[in-house]
Amino acid sequence: MDDLFHQLKTLSTTEVRAQIRACAYGAHTAGLGKKHLQANLAILPEAYALDFMRFCQRNPKPCPLVGVSDTGNPHMQTLGHDIDIRTDVPAYYVYRHGVLSESVEDITDFWQDDFVAFALGCSFTFEHALERAGIPIWHIQNNTTVPMFTSDIQTVPAGPFHGAMVVSMRAIPNAQLDEVIAISKQFPMAHGAPVHVGDPAAIGIADVKKPNWGDPAPVLAGTTPVFWACGVTPQVAITQAKPPICITHKPGHMLITDISDDADTTILNPKTIPTGETQ
């Protein structure tokens, strides 16, 4: 899998999605699709869609909404000319009544005519900018999934959706902290600036070596743990809302879009897609 991961890092977004669609690659997407937006995913029955959209609108840091499908339509053409939301994510979580029931690589057999798919910006996007600035990202260098934690920061409720904010952690060299904050701030559709810098306990994280999702990452001497709002937050809210069925991405396993990751890109403008295709 390591060899395939390094090969995929050199391919276009369409080529990477083709490998994912064929179930040839089912691991994390950090470092893939360079210069393009990656997105978290939540798929809900239409009866829950409006409340979930309100939840995203009220919590833009963890839930920056970048795309919404038509009801029953699995093709999100505002994010990429060939995207099929049923096949183009490396791994999915299926929740039933708020409980995680299974993880699968393809949700074609689960698709319903009343489903609405939501794509939320991901911090993997600004990692490309950090790498271009020469800032080391440990989980990319070591081919692991970024560590994610349930914090004690509470989201703003909307209908049945509520709960704690999930955060992702990266240990940043002390000398580059200001630069990292400034760079990530330029990407509001990818969670923007950190929500916390420093002591994990200050946001309710008891042990930074034991993430709730992803893989542990060391906080080396001369670095500081930095925490960003994370698009896994809806999965916490879903466990509270308890819809009969909900499908999300498996944490760390994102949808890679054709949207440029340039900070000035207007995310919801279909003209940003190179092919020019729109819904």
Protein backbone atom coordinates (compact mmCIF):
# COMPACT_ATOMS: atom_id res chain seq x y z
CA MET A 1 0.00 0.00 0.00
CA ASP A 2 2.92 2.38 0.68
CA ASP A 3 4.12 2.04 -2.94
CA LEU A 4 0.63 2.75 -4.28
CA PHE A 5 0.27 5.76 -1.97
CA HIS A 6 3.46 7.32 -3.30
CA GLN A 7 2.36 6.59 -6.86
CA LEU A 8 -1.02 8.22 -6.28
CA LYS A 9 0.70 11.38 -5.01
CA THR A 10 1.89 11.99 -8.59
CA LEU A 11 -1.51 11.47 -10.28
CA SER A 12 -4.33 13.85 -11.20
CA THR A 13 -7.52 14.03 -9.16
CA THR A 14 -9.41 12.09 -11.85
CA GLU A 15 -6.77 9.36 -11.84
CA VAL A 16 -6.76 9.12 -8.05
CA ARG A 17 -10.56 8.88 -7.93
CA ALA A 18 -10.44 6.15 -10.59
CA GLN A 19 -8.19 4.06 -8.34
CA ILE A 20 -10.48 4.66 -5.38
CA ARG A 21 -13.59 3.86 -7.46
CA ALA A 22 -12.03 0.56 -8.51
CA CYS A 23 -11.41 -0.24 -4.80
CA ALA A 24 -7.68 -0.43 -5.60
CA TYR A 25 -6.93 2.11 -2.84
CA GLY A 26 -8.82 2.29 0.45
CA ALA A 27 -6.51 4.18 2.80
CA HIS A 28 -6.16 7.81 3.94
CA THR A 29 -5.98 10.67 1.42
CA ALA A 30 -3.58 13.06 3.20
CA GLY A 31 -1.02 14.25 0.66
CA LEU A 32 -3.07 13.19 -2.38
CA GLY A 33 -4.71 15.45 -4.96
CA LYS A 34 -2.22 18.28 -4.43
CA LYS A 35 -3.54 21.79 -5.09
CA HIS A 36 -7.15 20.57 -4.86
CA LEU A 37 -9.80 20.75 -2.16
CA GLN A 38 -10.49 17.60 -0.16
CA ALA A 39 -13.88 17.18 1.48
CA ASN A 40 -15.54 15.40 4.38
CA LEU A 41 -18.86 13.72 3.65
CA ALA A 42 -22.27 13.34 5.26
CA ILE A 43 -25.23 11.70 3.51
CA LEU A 44 -28.67 11.92 5.15
CA PRO A 45 -32.31 11.31 4.31
CA GLU A 46 -33.98 14.47 2.99
CA ALA A 47 -36.11 14.73 6.13
CA TYR A 48 -32.94 15.56 8.09
CA ALA A 49 -31.21 17.66 5.42
CA LEU A 50 -32.49 21.13 6.32
CA ASP A 51 -31.60 20.79 10.00
CA PHE A 52 -28.16 19.47 9.04
CA MET A 53 -27.62 22.40 6.68
CA ARG A 54 -28.53 24.74 9.53
CA PHE A 55 -26.04 22.90 11.74
CA CYS A 56 -23.29 23.53 9.17
CA GLN A 57 -24.28 27.19 8.77
CA ARG A 58 -24.13 27.73 12.54
CA ASN A 59 -20.80 25.92 12.90
CA PRO A 60 -18.69 27.04 9.93
CA LYS A 61 -15.31 26.25 11.54
CA PRO A 62 -15.83 22.46 11.81
CA CYS A 63 -18.46 22.28 9.04
CA PRO A 64 -17.48 24.54 6.11
CA LEU A 65 -20.11 23.59 3.54
CA VAL A 66 -18.64 23.35 0.02
CA GLY A 67 -21.22 21.26 -1.83
CA VAL A 68 -24.76 19.85 -1.56
CA SER A 69 -26.28 17.30 -3.92
CA ASP A 70 -29.78 17.29 -5.33
CA THR A 71 -32.06 14.83 -3.55
CA GLY A 72 -31.35 11.32 -4.77
CA ASN A 73 -28.53 12.43 -7.10
CA PRO A 74 -25.14 10.86 -6.25
CA HIS A 75 -23.24 12.96 -8.80
CA MET A 76 -21.73 16.14 -7.32
CA GLN A 77 -20.74 17.91 -10.52
CA THR A 78 -20.12 21.26 -8.84
CA LEU A 79 -17.09 19.60 -7.20
CA GLY A 80 -15.83 17.52 -10.12
CA HIS A 81 -17.02 16.52 -13.57
CA ASP A 82 -17.02 12.76 -12.87
CA ILE A 83 -17.64 12.50 -9.12
CA ASP A 84 -19.95 9.72 -7.97
CA ILE A 85 -20.38 10.07 -4.23
CA ARG A 86 -21.25 6.35 -3.93
CA THR A 87 -17.82 5.14 -5.07
CA ASP A 88 -15.25 7.94 -4.95
CA VAL A 89 -14.38 7.96 -1.23
CA PRO A 90 -11.82 5.34 -0.08
CA ALA A 91 -13.91 4.18 2.89
CA TYR A 92 -17.33 5.01 4.32
CA TYR A 93 -18.97 4.68 7.72
CA VAL A 94 -22.64 3.63 7.86
CA TYR A 95 -24.59 4.76 10.93
CA ARG A 96 -28.01 3.38 11.87
CA HIS A 97 -30.00 5.29 14.49
CA GLY A 98 -26.81 7.09 15.50
CA VAL A 99 -24.73 3.93 15.98
CA LEU A 100 -21.82 3.04 13.71
CA SER A 101 -22.83 -0.26 12.10
CA GLU A 102 -20.22 -0.93 9.44
CA SER A 103 -17.38 0.37 7.26
CA VAL A 104 -17.50 -0.23 3.49
CA GLU A 105 -15.59 0.82 0.35
CA ASP A 106 -18.67 1.36 -1.86
CA ILE A 107 -22.16 2.53 -0.92
CA THR A 108 -23.97 1.83 -4.20
CA ASP A 109 -26.13 -0.82 -2.53
CA PHE A 110 -26.97 1.56 0.33
CA TRP A 111 -28.05 4.50 -1.84
CA GLN A 112 -31.63 5.78 -1.40
CA ASP A 113 -33.75 8.05 -3.57
CA ASP A 114 -34.22 10.47 -0.65
CA PHE A 115 -30.52 10.88 0.17
CA VAL A 116 -28.89 14.31 0.21
CA ALA A 117 -25.08 14.43 0.21
CA PHE A 118 -23.12 17.20 1.93
CA ALA A 119 -19.43 17.91 1.27
CA LEU A 120 -17.51 19.82 3.93
CA GLY A 121 -14.04 21.33 3.51
CA CYS A 122 -11.08 19.44 5.01
CA SER A 123 -7.81 20.53 6.61
CA PHE A 124 -5.89 18.17 4.30
CA THR A 125 -6.34 21.00 1.79
CA PHE A 126 -4.21 23.57 3.61
CA GLU A 127 -1.59 20.91 4.38
CA HIS A 128 -0.49 21.22 0.75
CA ALA A 129 0.21 24.92 1.37
CA LEU A 130 2.12 24.09 4.55
CA GLU A 131 4.25 21.58 2.67
CA ARG A 132 4.96 24.14 -0.06
CA ALA A 133 6.19 26.48 2.69
CA GLY A 134 8.62 23.80 3.92
CA ILE A 135 6.68 22.98 7.10
CA PRO A 136 6.91 19.28 8.02
CA ILE A 137 3.64 17.35 8.44
CA TRP A 138 4.45 14.21 10.43
CA HIS A 139 1.47 12.07 9.45
CA ILE A 140 2.06 12.69 5.73
CA GLN A 141 5.77 11.96 6.01
CA ASN A 142 4.98 8.72 7.86
CA ASN A 143 1.92 7.68 5.79
CA THR A 144 -0.49 7.65 8.74
CA THR A 145 -3.88 9.25 9.40
CA VAL A 146 -3.94 12.58 11.24
CA PRO A 147 -4.94 12.20 14.92
CA MET A 148 -8.43 13.49 15.77
CA PHE A 149 -9.94 14.10 19.19
CA THR A 150 -13.30 14.90 20.75
CA SER A 151 -12.83 18.24 22.50
CA ASP A 152 -14.97 19.91 25.14
CA ILE A 153 -15.78 22.78 22.75
CA GLN A 154 -19.53 22.62 22.12
CA THR A 155 -21.19 23.25 18.75
CA VAL A 156 -24.28 25.39 18.21
CA PRO A 157 -27.30 23.04 17.97
CA ALA A 158 -29.69 22.85 15.03
CA GLY A 159 -32.75 20.65 15.36
CA PRO A 160 -31.56 17.23 16.59
CA PHE A 161 -27.91 17.90 15.66
CA HIS A 162 -25.60 18.92 18.50
CA GLY A 163 -22.51 17.79 20.40
CA ALA A 164 -18.81 18.41 20.90
CA MET A 165 -16.44 19.72 18.26
CA VAL A 166 -13.87 17.26 16.91
CA VAL A 167 -10.37 18.66 16.35
CA SER A 168 -7.36 17.42 14.40
CA MET A 169 -3.83 17.82 15.79
CA ARG A 170 -0.49 18.57 14.17
CA ALA A 171 2.73 19.17 16.10
CA ILE A 172 4.31 22.30 14.60
CA PRO A 173 7.92 23.49 15.07
CA ASN A 174 7.84 26.39 17.51
CA ALA A 175 9.69 28.70 15.12
CA GLN A 176 6.99 28.18 12.46
CA LEU A 177 3.85 28.56 14.58
CA ASP A 178 3.02 32.08 13.40
CA GLU A 179 3.56 31.09 9.77
CA VAL A 180 1.32 28.02 10.09
CA ILE A 181 -1.46 30.06 11.66
CA ALA A 182 -1.19 32.71 8.94
CA ILE A 183 -1.24 30.14 6.13
CA SER A 184 -4.15 28.08 7.42
CA LYS A 185 -6.15 31.27 8.10
CA GLN A 186 -6.22 31.83 4.34
CA PHE A 187 -8.33 28.67 3.88
CA PRO A 188 -11.68 29.31 5.63
CA MET A 189 -13.35 26.59 3.55
CA ALA A 190 -10.78 24.12 4.94
CA HIS A 191 -11.34 25.03 8.63
CA GLY A 192 -9.11 28.11 8.55
CA ALA A 193 -6.96 29.09 11.54
CA PRO A 194 -6.54 26.76 14.54
CA VAL A 195 -9.10 26.73 17.34
CA HIS A 196 -6.41 26.06 19.96
CA VAL A 197 -2.62 26.15 20.30
CA GLY A 198 -0.80 24.46 23.15
CA ASP A 199 -1.99 22.46 26.18
CA PRO A 200 -4.45 19.73 25.00
CA ALA A 201 -6.07 19.60 28.45
CA ALA A 202 -7.32 23.16 27.96
CA ILE A 203 -9.84 21.83 25.42
CA GLY A 204 -10.64 18.60 27.24
CA ILE A 205 -8.09 16.24 25.68
CA ALA A 206 -6.65 14.06 28.45
CA ASP A 207 -3.99 12.18 26.46
CA VAL A 208 -2.69 13.43 23.13
CA LYS A 209 -1.21 9.97 22.51
CA LYS A 210 -4.69 8.41 22.37
CA PRO A 211 -6.74 9.95 19.55
CA ASN A 212 -10.40 9.08 19.12
CA TRP A 213 -9.83 8.67 15.36
CA GLY A 214 -6.73 8.36 13.21
CA ASP A 215 -3.26 7.40 14.39
CA PRO A 216 -1.13 8.74 17.25
CA ALA A 217 1.47 11.32 16.25
CA PRO A 218 4.36 12.42 18.47
CA VAL A 219 4.76 15.90 19.89
CA LEU A 220 8.52 16.15 19.53
CA ALA A 221 10.86 18.44 21.44
CA GLY A 222 10.77 21.92 19.96
CA THR A 223 7.19 21.54 18.67
CA THR A 224 3.78 22.60 19.93
CA PRO A 225 0.49 20.73 19.45
CA VAL A 226 -1.87 22.77 17.30
CA PHE A 227 -5.57 21.92 16.94
CA TRP A 228 -7.91 22.69 14.05
CA ALA A 229 -11.68 22.25 13.85
CA CYS A 230 -12.38 18.96 12.07
CA GLY A 231 -15.01 17.72 9.64
CA VAL A 232 -15.57 14.60 11.74
CA THR A 233 -17.64 16.85 14.00
CA PRO A 234 -20.88 15.93 12.15
CA GLN A 235 -20.31 12.30 13.06
CA VAL A 236 -20.60 13.25 16.74
CA ALA A 237 -23.75 15.26 15.96
CA ILE A 238 -25.19 12.31 14.03
CA THR A 239 -24.84 10.06 17.08
CA GLN A 240 -27.02 12.59 18.92
CA ALA A 241 -29.58 13.10 16.12
CA LYS A 242 -29.98 9.34 15.51
CA PRO A 243 -31.35 9.38 11.94
CA PRO A 244 -32.45 5.92 10.74
CA ILE A 245 -29.47 5.86 8.40
CA CYS A 246 -26.55 8.18 7.71
CA ILE A 247 -23.39 7.62 5.69
CA THR A 248 -20.14 9.53 6.21
CA HIS A 249 -16.53 9.22 5.13
CA LYS A 250 -14.29 7.14 7.36
CA PRO A 251 -12.16 9.72 9.20
CA GLY A 252 -9.05 10.52 7.16
CA HIS A 253 -10.55 9.03 3.98
CA MET A 254 -11.75 12.04 1.99
CA LEU A 255 -13.41 12.97 -1.27
CA ILE A 256 -10.80 14.56 -3.54
CA THR A 257 -12.44 17.25 -5.67
CA ASP A 258 -11.41 19.16 -8.79
CA ILE A 259 -11.70 22.49 -6.95
CA SER A 260 -8.44 24.45 -6.76
CA ASP A 261 -7.10 24.89 -3.23
CA ASP A 262 -6.05 28.49 -3.94
CA ALA A 263 -7.04 30.62 -0.99
CA ASP A 264 -8.92 33.04 -3.26
CA THR A 265 -11.00 30.33 -4.98
CA THR A 266 -14.76 30.81 -4.70
CA ILE A 267 -15.61 27.28 -3.61
CA LEU A 268 -19.25 27.26 -4.63
CA ASN A 269 -18.62 28.69 -8.10
CA PRO A 270 -18.89 25.84 -10.64
CA LYS A 271 -16.59 27.77 -13.00
CA THR A 272 -13.67 26.74 -10.78
CA ILE A 273 -13.96 23.21 -12.20
CA PRO A 274 -11.51 22.84 -15.10
CA THR A 275 -13.96 20.93 -17.32
CA GLY A 276 -16.59 23.65 -17.12
CA GLU A 277 -19.33 21.13 -16.37
CA THR A 278 -22.02 22.17 -13.91
CA GLN A 279 -25.20 20.76 -12.48
